[in-house]
Amino acid sequence: MKGFLTGLAAFLVTFALAHFVVLNALPGKIMSKVRDRMMEGGLPENAWRMSPRTSPETQTVVRPAPDLAYAICLIDLSGGPVKLTAPAWPDYGSLSVFAATTDNVYAGSLDARVTGTPVMRQVIVATEAQDVPDAGTADIVRVKQPEALALVRRLAPSQEAYDAAAALIPESSCKPL
């Protein structure tokens, strides 16, 4: 009986440790690796960058939807909060913020057809410890670590629609307050 209890205890400890690693440590490692790869590829921090139109040649991490235009911003909060702005889109569009743990911590509509969607979506991203000045109409998103990632998706099934989505990048911002 003593051997059985020792084996059961060892199993439970191993299971608890594996559970902790999978749920807590692994997502942060994955996001860190993705951020490093993006930065090595020339993606700057705190600036929107359009990704190339999806094709078999541009599918590097996951299989993105070929009818969506993507813009991404690597967020560095080490110098303080960052403000994101993104204009509405006449069709499906969204702005998402992902924490360093890969958790989706914010999802806002950019779809101009949806009631209540602002002409310009504004989001302030800050760590839990950072003070945020008067946010006005901006949504405030809090994250635990000073790294995050923002992603804009817009329905753009044609080259013309993709070009129109890309033309919105100069009107958008991802910069420190």
N, C-alpha and C. Protein backbone atom coordinates (compact mmCIF):
# COMPACT_ATOMS: atom_id res chain seq x y z
N MET A 1 0.83 -1.20 0.00
CA MET A 1 0.00 0.00 0.00
C MET A 1 0.87 1.26 0.00
N LYS A 2 1.99 1.21 0.75
CA LYS A 2 2.88 2.36 0.83
C LYS A 2 3.48 2.68 -0.54
N GLY A 3 3.83 1.65 -1.31
CA GLY A 3 4.37 1.84 -2.66
C GLY A 3 3.35 2.48 -3.59
N PHE A 4 2.10 2.05 -3.45
CA PHE A 4 1.04 2.63 -4.27
C PHE A 4 0.86 4.11 -3.97
N LEU A 5 0.84 4.48 -2.69
CA LEU A 5 0.67 5.88 -2.30
C LEU A 5 1.86 6.73 -2.75
N THR A 6 3.07 6.18 -2.67
CA THR A 6 4.26 6.90 -3.14
C THR A 6 4.17 7.13 -4.65
N GLY A 7 3.77 6.10 -5.37
CA GLY A 7 3.60 6.23 -6.83
C GLY A 7 2.52 7.24 -7.19
N LEU A 8 1.41 7.19 -6.46
CA LEU A 8 0.31 8.14 -6.70
C LEU A 8 0.76 9.56 -6.41
N ALA A 9 1.48 9.77 -5.32
CA ALA A 9 1.99 11.11 -4.98
C ALA A 9 2.96 11.61 -6.04
N ALA A 10 3.85 10.73 -6.51
CA ALA A 10 4.80 11.13 -7.57
C ALA A 10 4.05 11.50 -8.84
N PHE A 11 3.03 10.71 -9.18
CA PHE A 11 2.22 11.01 -10.36
C PHE A 11 1.54 12.37 -10.22
N LEU A 12 0.93 12.64 -9.08
CA LEU A 12 0.21 13.90 -8.87
C LEU A 12 1.16 15.10 -8.91
N VAL A 13 2.33 14.97 -8.32
CA VAL A 13 3.31 16.06 -8.36
C VAL A 13 3.76 16.31 -9.80
N THR A 14 4.05 15.24 -10.53
CA THR A 14 4.46 15.38 -11.93
C THR A 14 3.35 16.00 -12.76
N PHE A 15 2.12 15.55 -12.55
CA PHE A 15 0.98 16.09 -13.26
C PHE A 15 0.80 17.58 -12.96
N ALA A 16 0.89 17.96 -11.71
CA ALA A 16 0.74 19.37 -11.31
C ALA A 16 1.83 20.23 -11.94
N LEU A 17 3.06 19.74 -11.95
CA LEU A 17 4.16 20.47 -12.55
C LEU A 17 3.95 20.63 -14.06
N ALA A 18 3.57 19.56 -14.74
CA ALA A 18 3.31 19.62 -16.18
C ALA A 18 2.16 20.58 -16.47
N HIS A 19 1.13 20.53 -15.66
CA HIS A 19 -0.02 21.42 -15.81
C HIS A 19 0.43 22.89 -15.69
N PHE A 20 1.24 23.19 -14.70
CA PHE A 20 1.75 24.55 -14.51
C PHE A 20 2.56 25.00 -15.71
N VAL A 21 3.44 24.17 -16.20
CA VAL A 21 4.31 24.53 -17.33
C VAL A 21 3.47 24.80 -18.57
N VAL A 22 2.53 23.91 -18.87
CA VAL A 22 1.72 24.06 -20.07
C VAL A 22 0.85 25.31 -20.01
N LEU A 23 0.24 25.58 -18.88
CA LEU A 23 -0.68 26.71 -18.78
C LEU A 23 -0.02 28.05 -18.49
N ASN A 24 1.15 28.04 -17.86
CA ASN A 24 1.75 29.31 -17.44
C ASN A 24 3.04 29.65 -18.16
N ALA A 25 3.94 28.75 -18.28
CA ALA A 25 5.25 29.07 -18.84
C ALA A 25 5.28 28.98 -20.36
N LEU A 26 4.63 27.99 -20.93
CA LEU A 26 4.70 27.76 -22.37
C LEU A 26 4.13 28.90 -23.21
N PRO A 27 2.95 29.46 -22.91
CA PRO A 27 2.43 30.55 -23.73
C PRO A 27 3.38 31.76 -23.79
N GLY A 28 3.98 32.12 -22.67
CA GLY A 28 4.92 33.24 -22.66
C GLY A 28 6.14 32.96 -23.52
N LYS A 29 6.62 31.72 -23.48
CA LYS A 29 7.76 31.32 -24.31
C LYS A 29 7.40 31.42 -25.80
N ILE A 30 6.19 30.97 -26.13
CA ILE A 30 5.75 31.02 -27.52
C ILE A 30 5.67 32.46 -28.00
N MET A 31 5.03 33.33 -27.21
CA MET A 31 4.89 34.74 -27.61
C MET A 31 6.26 35.40 -27.71
N SER A 32 7.16 35.10 -26.81
CA SER A 32 8.51 35.66 -26.85
C SER A 32 9.22 35.25 -28.14
N LYS A 33 9.07 34.00 -28.51
CA LYS A 33 9.70 33.49 -29.74
C LYS A 33 9.10 34.17 -30.97
N VAL A 34 7.78 34.34 -30.98
CA VAL A 34 7.11 35.01 -32.10
C VAL A 34 7.58 36.46 -32.20
N ARG A 35 7.63 37.17 -31.06
CA ARG A 35 8.10 38.57 -31.07
C ARG A 35 9.54 38.66 -31.59
N ASP A 36 10.42 37.76 -31.11
CA ASP A 36 11.81 37.77 -31.56
C ASP A 36 11.90 37.55 -33.06
N ARG A 37 11.12 36.61 -33.59
CA ARG A 37 11.13 36.34 -35.03
C ARG A 37 10.66 37.54 -35.82
N MET A 38 9.62 38.20 -35.31
CA MET A 38 9.09 39.37 -36.01
C MET A 38 10.10 40.52 -36.00
N MET A 39 10.77 40.72 -34.87
CA MET A 39 11.76 41.79 -34.78
C MET A 39 12.96 41.48 -35.67
N GLU A 40 13.37 40.21 -35.72
CA GLU A 40 14.47 39.82 -36.61
C GLU A 40 14.10 40.06 -38.07
N GLY A 41 12.80 39.96 -38.37
CA GLY A 41 12.31 40.22 -39.72
C GLY A 41 12.12 41.69 -40.03
N GLY A 42 12.49 42.56 -39.08
CA GLY A 42 12.43 44.00 -39.33
C GLY A 42 11.18 44.69 -38.83
N LEU A 43 10.33 44.00 -38.08
CA LEU A 43 9.12 44.63 -37.56
C LEU A 43 9.50 45.51 -36.37
N PRO A 44 9.25 46.82 -36.47
CA PRO A 44 9.61 47.71 -35.36
C PRO A 44 8.60 47.61 -34.22
N GLU A 45 9.00 48.09 -33.05
CA GLU A 45 8.07 48.16 -31.93
C GLU A 45 7.32 49.48 -32.00
N ASN A 46 6.09 49.46 -31.50
CA ASN A 46 5.24 50.65 -31.39
C ASN A 46 5.03 51.35 -32.73
N ALA A 47 4.76 50.58 -33.76
CA ALA A 47 4.43 51.13 -35.09
C ALA A 47 3.64 50.08 -35.85
N TRP A 48 2.55 50.51 -36.52
CA TRP A 48 1.77 49.58 -37.33
C TRP A 48 2.55 49.21 -38.58
N ARG A 49 2.45 47.96 -38.97
CA ARG A 49 3.07 47.48 -40.20
C ARG A 49 2.08 46.53 -40.86
N MET A 50 1.79 46.77 -42.12
CA MET A 50 0.93 45.86 -42.88
C MET A 50 1.71 44.60 -43.20
N SER A 51 1.06 43.48 -43.10
CA SER A 51 1.68 42.25 -43.56
C SER A 51 1.37 42.12 -45.05
N PRO A 52 2.22 41.42 -45.79
CA PRO A 52 1.93 41.25 -47.21
C PRO A 52 0.62 40.50 -47.40
N ARG A 53 0.01 40.68 -48.55
CA ARG A 53 -1.22 39.97 -48.85
C ARG A 53 -0.95 38.47 -48.75
N THR A 54 -1.87 37.74 -48.15
CA THR A 54 -1.67 36.32 -47.90
C THR A 54 -1.58 35.52 -49.20
N SER A 55 -0.54 34.72 -49.26
CA SER A 55 -0.33 33.79 -50.36
C SER A 55 0.45 32.61 -49.79
N PRO A 56 0.58 31.54 -50.52
CA PRO A 56 1.36 30.41 -49.99
C PRO A 56 2.79 30.81 -49.61
N GLU A 57 3.36 31.81 -50.28
CA GLU A 57 4.73 32.24 -49.98
C GLU A 57 4.84 33.06 -48.70
N THR A 58 3.75 33.70 -48.27
CA THR A 58 3.81 34.58 -47.09
C THR A 58 3.29 33.93 -45.82
N GLN A 59 2.86 32.70 -45.86
CA GLN A 59 2.32 32.01 -44.68
C GLN A 59 3.47 31.45 -43.86
N THR A 60 3.89 32.19 -42.83
CA THR A 60 5.07 31.78 -42.07
C THR A 60 4.74 31.12 -40.74
N VAL A 61 3.80 31.65 -39.96
CA VAL A 61 3.54 31.11 -38.63
C VAL A 61 2.32 30.19 -38.65
N VAL A 62 1.18 30.74 -39.03
CA VAL A 62 -0.06 29.97 -39.12
C VAL A 62 -0.68 30.27 -40.47
N ARG A 63 -1.71 29.60 -40.78
CA ARG A 63 -2.39 29.85 -42.06
C ARG A 63 -3.41 30.97 -41.88
N PRO A 64 -3.02 32.20 -42.21
CA PRO A 64 -3.98 33.30 -42.11
C PRO A 64 -5.03 33.21 -43.20
N ALA A 65 -6.16 33.84 -42.96
CA ALA A 65 -7.23 33.84 -43.95
C ALA A 65 -6.79 34.67 -45.16
N PRO A 66 -6.88 34.13 -46.36
CA PRO A 66 -6.41 34.86 -47.53
C PRO A 66 -7.29 36.06 -47.89
N ASP A 67 -8.50 36.14 -47.33
CA ASP A 67 -9.36 37.27 -47.65
C ASP A 67 -9.31 38.37 -46.59
N LEU A 68 -8.34 38.31 -45.67
CA LEU A 68 -8.17 39.35 -44.66
C LEU A 68 -6.86 40.08 -44.88
N ALA A 69 -6.89 41.39 -44.63
CA ALA A 69 -5.66 42.20 -44.60
C ALA A 69 -5.29 42.36 -43.13
N TYR A 70 -4.02 42.13 -42.82
CA TYR A 70 -3.55 42.18 -41.45
C TYR A 70 -2.57 43.32 -41.27
N ALA A 71 -2.69 44.02 -40.14
CA ALA A 71 -1.68 44.99 -39.71
C ALA A 71 -1.32 44.60 -38.28
N ILE A 72 -0.04 44.68 -37.95
CA ILE A 72 0.42 44.24 -36.64
C ILE A 72 1.29 45.30 -36.01
N CYS A 73 1.24 45.38 -34.70
CA CYS A 73 2.10 46.28 -33.95
C CYS A 73 2.64 45.52 -32.74
N LEU A 74 3.96 45.44 -32.65
CA LEU A 74 4.60 44.89 -31.45
C LEU A 74 4.63 46.02 -30.42
N ILE A 75 4.08 45.79 -29.26
CA ILE A 75 3.94 46.83 -28.24
C ILE A 75 5.01 46.65 -27.17
N ASP A 76 5.75 47.71 -26.90
CA ASP A 76 6.75 47.74 -25.83
C ASP A 76 6.32 48.77 -24.81
N LEU A 77 5.92 48.33 -23.63
CA LEU A 77 5.41 49.21 -22.59
C LEU A 77 6.48 49.60 -21.58
N SER A 78 7.74 49.26 -21.84
CA SER A 78 8.80 49.54 -20.87
C SER A 78 8.99 51.05 -20.68
N GLY A 79 8.61 51.86 -21.65
CA GLY A 79 8.72 53.32 -21.52
C GLY A 79 7.41 54.00 -21.13
N GLY A 80 6.37 53.23 -20.90
CA GLY A 80 5.08 53.78 -20.53
C GLY A 80 3.97 53.25 -21.42
N PRO A 81 2.73 53.69 -21.17
CA PRO A 81 1.59 53.21 -21.94
C PRO A 81 1.73 53.54 -23.43
N VAL A 82 1.04 52.77 -24.25
CA VAL A 82 1.02 52.95 -25.70
C VAL A 82 -0.43 53.14 -26.13
N LYS A 83 -0.62 54.11 -27.04
CA LYS A 83 -1.96 54.37 -27.56
C LYS A 83 -2.07 53.82 -28.98
N LEU A 84 -3.13 53.05 -29.21
CA LEU A 84 -3.44 52.50 -30.52
C LEU A 84 -4.63 53.24 -31.10
N THR A 85 -4.57 53.57 -32.37
CA THR A 85 -5.74 54.10 -33.07
C THR A 85 -5.86 53.34 -34.39
N ALA A 86 -7.10 53.09 -34.78
CA ALA A 86 -7.36 52.39 -36.03
C ALA A 86 -8.72 52.84 -36.56
N PRO A 87 -8.77 53.30 -37.82
CA PRO A 87 -10.04 53.73 -38.40
C PRO A 87 -11.00 52.57 -38.65
N ALA A 88 -12.27 52.90 -38.65
CA ALA A 88 -13.30 51.91 -38.97
C ALA A 88 -13.14 51.48 -40.43
N TRP A 89 -13.77 50.38 -40.77
CA TRP A 89 -13.70 49.78 -42.10
C TRP A 89 -15.13 49.53 -42.56
N PRO A 90 -15.44 49.69 -43.84
CA PRO A 90 -16.84 49.55 -44.28
C PRO A 90 -17.38 48.11 -44.23
N ASP A 91 -16.54 47.15 -43.94
CA ASP A 91 -16.94 45.76 -43.86
C ASP A 91 -16.38 45.19 -42.56
N TYR A 92 -16.23 43.86 -42.48
CA TYR A 92 -15.69 43.28 -41.25
C TYR A 92 -14.31 43.84 -40.95
N GLY A 93 -14.10 44.20 -39.69
CA GLY A 93 -12.79 44.65 -39.23
C GLY A 93 -12.73 44.53 -37.72
N SER A 94 -11.54 44.23 -37.19
CA SER A 94 -11.39 44.12 -35.74
C SER A 94 -10.00 44.55 -35.32
N LEU A 95 -9.91 44.99 -34.07
CA LEU A 95 -8.63 45.31 -33.43
C LEU A 95 -8.54 44.43 -32.19
N SER A 96 -7.47 43.63 -32.12
CA SER A 96 -7.26 42.75 -30.97
C SER A 96 -5.92 43.06 -30.33
N VAL A 97 -5.85 42.87 -29.01
CA VAL A 97 -4.59 43.02 -28.28
C VAL A 97 -4.33 41.70 -27.57
N PHE A 98 -3.09 41.21 -27.71
CA PHE A 98 -2.68 39.95 -27.10
C PHE A 98 -1.58 40.24 -26.08
N ALA A 99 -1.73 39.69 -24.88
CA ALA A 99 -0.73 39.84 -23.83
C ALA A 99 0.46 38.94 -24.14
N ALA A 100 1.53 39.11 -23.38
CA ALA A 100 2.75 38.31 -23.57
C ALA A 100 2.49 36.83 -23.36
N THR A 101 1.40 36.49 -22.70
CA THR A 101 1.04 35.09 -22.45
C THR A 101 0.17 34.51 -23.56
N THR A 102 0.00 35.24 -24.65
CA THR A 102 -0.83 34.90 -25.82
C THR A 102 -2.32 35.06 -25.55
N ASP A 103 -2.70 35.53 -24.36
CA ASP A 103 -4.12 35.74 -24.07
C ASP A 103 -4.65 36.92 -24.88
N ASN A 104 -5.83 36.75 -25.47
CA ASN A 104 -6.50 37.85 -26.15
C ASN A 104 -7.16 38.70 -25.07
N VAL A 105 -6.59 39.88 -24.79
CA VAL A 105 -7.07 40.71 -23.69
C VAL A 105 -7.99 41.84 -24.15
N TYR A 106 -8.11 42.01 -25.47
CA TYR A 106 -9.00 43.05 -25.99
C TYR A 106 -9.42 42.68 -27.40
N ALA A 107 -10.69 42.89 -27.69
CA ALA A 107 -11.22 42.71 -29.05
C ALA A 107 -12.25 43.80 -29.28
N GLY A 108 -11.98 44.68 -30.24
CA GLY A 108 -12.89 45.76 -30.57
C GLY A 108 -13.24 45.74 -32.04
N SER A 109 -14.46 46.11 -32.34
CA SER A 109 -14.92 46.12 -33.72
C SER A 109 -14.41 47.34 -34.48
N LEU A 110 -14.03 47.12 -35.73
CA LEU A 110 -13.74 48.21 -36.66
C LEU A 110 -14.76 48.22 -37.79
N ASP A 111 -15.79 47.40 -37.65
CA ASP A 111 -16.82 47.23 -38.67
C ASP A 111 -17.80 48.40 -38.61
N ALA A 112 -17.75 49.29 -39.60
CA ALA A 112 -18.59 50.49 -39.60
C ALA A 112 -20.07 50.15 -39.69
N ARG A 113 -20.42 48.94 -40.08
CA ARG A 113 -21.83 48.55 -40.17
C ARG A 113 -22.42 48.25 -38.80
N VAL A 114 -21.54 48.01 -37.80
CA VAL A 114 -22.00 47.65 -36.45
C VAL A 114 -22.30 48.93 -35.67
N THR A 115 -23.49 49.01 -35.11
CA THR A 115 -23.88 50.16 -34.31
C THR A 115 -22.92 50.35 -33.14
N GLY A 116 -22.47 51.57 -32.94
CA GLY A 116 -21.58 51.87 -31.83
C GLY A 116 -20.11 51.81 -32.17
N THR A 117 -19.77 51.35 -33.36
CA THR A 117 -18.36 51.32 -33.76
C THR A 117 -17.92 52.75 -34.03
N PRO A 118 -16.88 53.22 -33.33
CA PRO A 118 -16.43 54.59 -33.55
C PRO A 118 -15.72 54.73 -34.91
N VAL A 119 -15.71 55.95 -35.42
CA VAL A 119 -15.02 56.23 -36.68
C VAL A 119 -13.53 55.92 -36.52
N MET A 120 -13.00 56.20 -35.33
CA MET A 120 -11.60 55.91 -35.01
C MET A 120 -11.56 55.19 -33.67
N ARG A 121 -11.20 53.91 -33.68
CA ARG A 121 -11.09 53.13 -32.45
C ARG A 121 -9.81 53.56 -31.75
N GLN A 122 -9.89 53.85 -30.43
CA GLN A 122 -8.74 54.27 -29.64
C GLN A 122 -8.61 53.35 -28.43
N VAL A 123 -7.40 52.84 -28.23
CA VAL A 123 -7.13 51.93 -27.13
C VAL A 123 -5.80 52.32 -26.50
N ILE A 124 -5.77 52.40 -25.19
CA ILE A 124 -4.52 52.64 -24.46
C ILE A 124 -4.14 51.34 -23.77
N VAL A 125 -2.94 50.86 -24.06
CA VAL A 125 -2.43 49.63 -23.46
C VAL A 125 -1.40 50.02 -22.41
N ALA A 126 -1.54 49.48 -21.21
CA ALA A 126 -0.62 49.80 -20.11
C ALA A 126 -0.46 48.57 -19.23
N THR A 127 0.66 48.53 -18.51
CA THR A 127 0.82 47.47 -17.52
C THR A 127 -0.07 47.80 -16.33
N GLU A 128 -0.24 46.84 -15.46
CA GLU A 128 -1.07 47.05 -14.27
C GLU A 128 -0.49 48.12 -13.36
N ALA A 129 0.82 48.34 -13.41
CA ALA A 129 1.48 49.30 -12.52
C ALA A 129 1.57 50.71 -13.10
N GLN A 130 1.27 50.89 -14.38
CA GLN A 130 1.44 52.20 -15.01
C GLN A 130 0.21 53.08 -14.84
N ASP A 131 0.48 54.36 -14.58
CA ASP A 131 -0.60 55.34 -14.54
C ASP A 131 -0.99 55.70 -15.96
N VAL A 132 -2.30 55.86 -16.17
CA VAL A 132 -2.81 56.26 -17.48
C VAL A 132 -3.46 57.63 -17.31
N PRO A 133 -2.97 58.63 -18.07
CA PRO A 133 -3.61 59.94 -17.99
C PRO A 133 -5.05 59.85 -18.51
N ASP A 134 -5.76 60.93 -18.43
CA ASP A 134 -7.15 60.96 -18.88
C ASP A 134 -7.26 60.31 -20.26
N ALA A 135 -8.01 59.23 -20.34
CA ALA A 135 -8.10 58.44 -21.57
C ALA A 135 -9.14 58.98 -22.54
N GLY A 136 -9.98 59.89 -22.09
CA GLY A 136 -11.04 60.39 -22.97
C GLY A 136 -11.95 59.25 -23.38
N THR A 137 -12.12 59.05 -24.70
CA THR A 137 -13.00 57.99 -25.20
C THR A 137 -12.26 56.68 -25.45
N ALA A 138 -10.97 56.66 -25.19
CA ALA A 138 -10.18 55.45 -25.45
C ALA A 138 -10.50 54.35 -24.44
N ASP A 139 -10.50 53.13 -24.92
CA ASP A 139 -10.59 51.96 -24.04
C ASP A 139 -9.23 51.75 -23.40
N ILE A 140 -9.21 51.33 -22.15
CA ILE A 140 -7.94 51.05 -21.46
C ILE A 140 -7.81 49.54 -21.29
N VAL A 141 -6.65 49.03 -21.71
CA VAL A 141 -6.35 47.61 -21.61
C VAL A 141 -5.14 47.45 -20.71
N ARG A 142 -5.25 46.61 -19.70
CA ARG A 142 -4.15 46.37 -18.76
C ARG A 142 -3.55 44.99 -19.02
N VAL A 143 -2.23 44.93 -19.03
CA VAL A 143 -1.51 43.67 -19.17
C VAL A 143 -0.51 43.55 -18.03
N LYS A 144 -0.07 42.33 -17.74
CA LYS A 144 0.84 42.11 -16.63
C LYS A 144 2.29 42.39 -16.99
N GLN A 145 2.69 42.08 -18.22
CA GLN A 145 4.08 42.23 -18.64
C GLN A 145 4.19 43.37 -19.66
N PRO A 146 5.38 43.93 -19.83
CA PRO A 146 5.52 45.10 -20.72
C PRO A 146 5.59 44.78 -22.21
N GLU A 147 5.29 43.55 -22.60
CA GLU A 147 5.24 43.22 -24.01
C GLU A 147 3.82 42.80 -24.37
N ALA A 148 3.38 43.24 -25.53
CA ALA A 148 2.07 42.86 -26.04
C ALA A 148 2.12 42.94 -27.56
N LEU A 149 1.04 42.57 -28.17
CA LEU A 149 0.95 42.58 -29.62
C LEU A 149 -0.45 43.02 -30.00
N ALA A 150 -0.58 43.91 -30.97
CA ALA A 150 -1.89 44.34 -31.45
C ALA A 150 -2.04 43.89 -32.90
N LEU A 151 -3.26 43.49 -33.26
CA LEU A 151 -3.52 42.98 -34.59
C LEU A 151 -4.82 43.57 -35.12
N VAL A 152 -4.73 44.17 -36.32
CA VAL A 152 -5.93 44.65 -37.01
C VAL A 152 -6.21 43.68 -38.15
N ARG A 153 -7.47 43.27 -38.24
CA ARG A 153 -7.91 42.43 -39.35
C ARG A 153 -9.02 43.17 -40.08
N ARG A 154 -8.93 43.20 -41.40
CA ARG A 154 -9.97 43.81 -42.22
C ARG A 154 -10.29 42.89 -43.39
N LEU A 155 -11.58 42.72 -43.68
CA LEU A 155 -11.97 41.90 -44.82
C LEU A 155 -11.50 42.59 -46.09
N ALA A 156 -10.66 41.89 -46.86
CA ALA A 156 -10.09 42.45 -48.09
C ALA A 156 -9.88 41.32 -49.08
N PRO A 157 -10.96 40.85 -49.70
CA PRO A 157 -10.84 39.68 -50.57
C PRO A 157 -10.19 39.95 -51.93
N SER A 158 -10.00 41.21 -52.27
CA SER A 158 -9.39 41.55 -53.56
C SER A 158 -8.16 42.42 -53.34
N GLN A 159 -7.35 42.55 -54.37
CA GLN A 159 -6.17 43.41 -54.28
C GLN A 159 -6.59 44.86 -54.03
N GLU A 160 -7.68 45.29 -54.64
CA GLU A 160 -8.16 46.67 -54.44
C GLU A 160 -8.54 46.90 -52.98
N ALA A 161 -9.24 45.93 -52.38
CA ALA A 161 -9.63 46.06 -50.97
C ALA A 161 -8.40 46.03 -50.07
N TYR A 162 -7.43 45.18 -50.40
CA TYR A 162 -6.18 45.13 -49.62
C TYR A 162 -5.47 46.47 -49.70
N ASP A 163 -5.39 47.05 -50.88
CA ASP A 163 -4.75 48.36 -51.06
C ASP A 163 -5.48 49.44 -50.26
N ALA A 164 -6.81 49.38 -50.21
CA ALA A 164 -7.58 50.34 -49.42
C ALA A 164 -7.29 50.17 -47.93
N ALA A 165 -7.17 48.92 -47.47
CA ALA A 165 -6.83 48.67 -46.07
C ALA A 165 -5.43 49.17 -45.77
N ALA A 166 -4.49 48.94 -46.67
CA ALA A 166 -3.12 49.42 -46.47
C ALA A 166 -3.06 50.94 -46.44
N ALA A 167 -3.95 51.59 -47.17
CA ALA A 167 -3.97 53.06 -47.20
C ALA A 167 -4.41 53.65 -45.86
N LEU A 168 -5.00 52.84 -44.97
CA LEU A 168 -5.43 53.33 -43.66
C LEU A 168 -4.30 53.34 -42.64
N ILE A 169 -3.18 52.70 -42.95
CA ILE A 169 -2.07 52.63 -41.98
C ILE A 169 -1.54 54.01 -41.61
N PRO A 170 -1.34 54.93 -42.56
CA PRO A 170 -0.88 56.26 -42.15
C PRO A 170 -1.85 57.00 -41.21
N GLU A 171 -3.14 56.66 -41.28
CA GLU A 171 -4.13 57.28 -40.39
C GLU A 171 -4.16 56.60 -39.01
N SER A 172 -3.53 55.44 -38.91
CA SER A 172 -3.50 54.66 -37.67
C SER A 172 -2.27 55.01 -36.86
N SER A 173 -2.30 54.69 -35.58
CA SER A 173 -1.08 54.92 -34.78
C SER A 173 -0.94 53.81 -33.74
N CYS A 174 0.29 53.61 -33.38
CA CYS A 174 0.67 52.67 -32.31
C CYS A 174 1.92 53.27 -31.73
N LYS A 175 1.74 54.16 -30.74
CA LYS A 175 2.91 54.89 -30.23
C LYS A 175 2.76 55.19 -28.76
N PRO A 176 3.90 55.40 -28.10
CA PRO A 176 3.85 55.73 -26.68
C PRO A 176 3.08 57.03 -26.44
N LEU A 177 2.43 57.10 -25.29
CA LEU A 177 1.72 58.34 -24.93
C LEU A 177 2.71 59.46 -24.69
